[in-house]
Amino acid sequence: MKKFWFSLDDKIRYLFVGGFNFGVCYLIYSLVCLIFGDTFYQFALALAWALSSIVSFFTQRTLVFEGKGVWYKEYAKCCITWFFSYLINAGLLEFTVKYLHFNVYLAQFISNFTAAIFTYIAFKLFAFRKK
């Protein structure tokens, strides 16, 4: 099974693993919005991003990019990537909620999807780059 999995292109593996990570992040985001109210969508995003990034690091490192480097150095690079990805997500979320008047759930779906494209590129070229 492992041989088959890693015979798949990393973009395909990223879609599967990233889809799982998106689900974790979106679930946390949605629960926080439901508990605290839709007006706390940026707080929900920050909390979801912080919690889901831990899951994301381990799944991306082991199941997508086969990280071979020192894990804490790769984690530091992932944190840099997530910082910029978070800014993209938060900015798009704010824009789609305030100016396009989307509800916070649809806006986050769109924003997170867009940030995921940036994250894949940054992970591949920076965080988990093979030497």
Protein backbone atom coordinates (compact mmCIF):
# COMPACT_ATOMS: atom_id res chain seq x y z
CA MET A 1 0.00 0.00 0.00
CA LYS A 2 2.84 2.39 0.87
CA LYS A 3 4.50 1.74 -2.49
CA PHE A 4 1.25 2.49 -4.32
CA TRP A 5 0.59 5.63 -2.27
CA PHE A 6 4.02 7.12 -2.97
CA SER A 7 3.82 6.15 -6.63
CA LEU A 8 1.05 8.75 -6.91
CA ASP A 9 2.05 12.26 -7.91
CA ASP A 10 2.55 14.53 -4.89
CA LYS A 11 -0.24 16.82 -6.14
CA ILE A 12 -2.69 13.90 -5.88
CA ARG A 13 -1.41 13.00 -2.41
CA TYR A 14 -1.71 16.67 -1.41
CA LEU A 15 -5.33 16.74 -2.58
CA PHE A 16 -6.23 13.76 -0.39
CA VAL A 17 -4.21 14.77 2.66
CA GLY A 18 -4.96 18.45 2.21
CA GLY A 19 -8.65 17.60 1.92
CA PHE A 20 -8.46 15.83 5.27
CA ASN A 21 -6.57 18.76 6.82
CA PHE A 22 -9.06 21.20 5.32
CA GLY A 23 -11.86 19.19 6.93
CA VAL A 24 -10.17 19.39 10.34
CA CYS A 25 -9.60 23.13 10.00
CA TYR A 26 -13.08 23.82 8.65
CA LEU A 27 -14.72 21.75 11.39
CA ILE A 28 -12.90 23.68 14.13
CA TYR A 29 -13.70 26.98 12.41
CA SER A 30 -17.40 26.10 12.05
CA LEU A 31 -17.71 24.91 15.66
CA VAL A 32 -16.12 28.08 17.01
CA CYS A 33 -18.42 30.22 14.83
CA LEU A 34 -21.44 28.26 16.05
CA ILE A 35 -20.41 28.51 19.70
CA PHE A 36 -19.29 32.16 19.79
CA GLY A 37 -21.29 33.56 16.88
CA ASP A 38 -20.55 34.52 13.31
CA THR A 39 -19.05 37.87 14.30
CA PHE A 40 -16.05 36.02 15.76
CA TYR A 41 -15.07 34.51 12.41
CA GLN A 42 -11.51 35.90 12.50
CA PHE A 43 -10.99 34.48 16.00
CA ALA A 44 -12.41 31.17 14.75
CA LEU A 45 -9.97 31.25 11.84
CA ALA A 46 -6.94 31.92 14.07
CA LEU A 47 -7.87 29.13 16.47
CA ALA A 48 -8.65 26.67 13.69
CA TRP A 49 -5.43 27.53 11.88
CA ALA A 50 -3.32 27.08 15.03
CA LEU A 51 -4.85 23.74 15.97
CA SER A 52 -5.08 22.22 12.53
CA SER A 53 -1.51 23.19 11.62
CA ILE A 54 -0.21 20.56 14.05
CA VAL A 55 -2.20 17.84 12.29
CA SER A 56 -1.22 19.28 8.93
CA PHE A 57 2.51 19.20 9.66
CA PHE A 58 2.57 15.51 10.52
CA THR A 59 0.28 14.44 7.68
CA GLN A 60 1.99 16.57 5.05
CA ARG A 61 5.46 15.57 6.20
CA THR A 62 4.80 11.84 6.28
CA LEU A 63 2.10 11.29 3.66
CA VAL A 64 2.80 13.89 0.98
CA PHE A 65 6.36 15.19 0.94
CA GLU A 66 8.22 12.38 2.75
CA GLY A 67 10.17 14.82 4.86
CA LYS A 68 13.66 13.52 5.43
CA GLY A 69 15.21 16.55 7.09
CA VAL A 70 15.41 17.47 10.74
CA TRP A 71 11.77 17.63 11.81
CA TYR A 72 12.00 20.81 13.89
CA LYS A 73 13.69 22.69 11.04
CA GLU A 74 10.95 21.53 8.67
CA TYR A 75 8.37 22.53 11.28
CA ALA A 76 9.90 26.02 11.53
CA LYS A 77 9.71 26.36 7.74
CA CYS A 78 6.09 25.18 7.85
CA CYS A 79 5.31 27.82 10.46
CA ILE A 80 6.71 30.51 8.15
CA THR A 81 4.62 29.09 5.31
CA TRP A 82 1.51 28.96 7.49
CA PHE A 83 2.03 32.55 8.59
CA PHE A 84 1.80 33.79 5.01
CA SER A 85 -0.93 31.31 4.16
CA TYR A 86 -2.88 32.51 7.19
CA LEU A 87 -2.53 36.13 6.05
CA ILE A 88 -3.87 35.17 2.63
CA ASN A 89 -6.76 33.27 4.20
CA ALA A 90 -7.61 36.00 6.73
CA GLY A 91 -7.46 38.75 4.10
CA LEU A 92 -9.65 36.89 1.64
CA LEU A 93 -12.05 35.92 4.42
CA GLU A 94 -12.39 39.54 5.50
CA PHE A 95 -12.88 40.72 1.93
CA THR A 96 -15.51 38.12 1.05
CA VAL A 97 -17.47 38.69 4.28
CA LYS A 98 -17.32 42.50 4.45
CA TYR A 99 -17.37 43.50 0.80
CA LEU A 100 -18.95 40.60 -1.06
CA HIS A 101 -21.36 39.87 1.82
CA PHE A 102 -20.84 36.10 1.77
CA ASN A 103 -21.74 34.22 4.91
CA VAL A 104 -18.74 33.30 7.07
CA TYR A 105 -18.93 29.60 6.19
CA LEU A 106 -18.87 30.00 2.42
CA ALA A 107 -16.28 32.77 2.68
CA GLN A 108 -13.97 30.52 4.70
CA PHE A 109 -14.42 27.66 2.27
CA ILE A 110 -13.33 29.89 -0.62
CA SER A 111 -10.53 31.58 1.32
CA ASN A 112 -9.08 28.34 2.66
CA PHE A 113 -9.13 26.74 -0.77
CA THR A 114 -7.16 29.67 -2.20
CA ALA A 115 -4.65 29.60 0.67
CA ALA A 116 -4.19 25.85 0.13
CA ILE A 117 -2.82 26.48 -3.35
CA PHE A 118 -0.20 28.85 -1.96
CA THR A 119 0.59 26.38 0.85
CA TYR A 120 1.23 23.50 -1.55
CA ILE A 121 3.68 25.57 -3.57
CA ALA A 122 5.47 26.87 -0.47
CA PHE A 123 5.67 23.40 1.10
CA LYS A 124 7.08 21.90 -2.08
CA LEU A 125 9.60 24.65 -2.82
CA PHE A 126 10.51 25.71 0.72
CA ALA A 127 9.41 23.71 3.75
CA PHE A 128 9.92 20.18 2.41
CA ARG A 129 12.27 20.93 -0.48
CA LYS A 130 14.49 18.03 -1.32
CA LYS A 131 18.15 18.84 -1.63
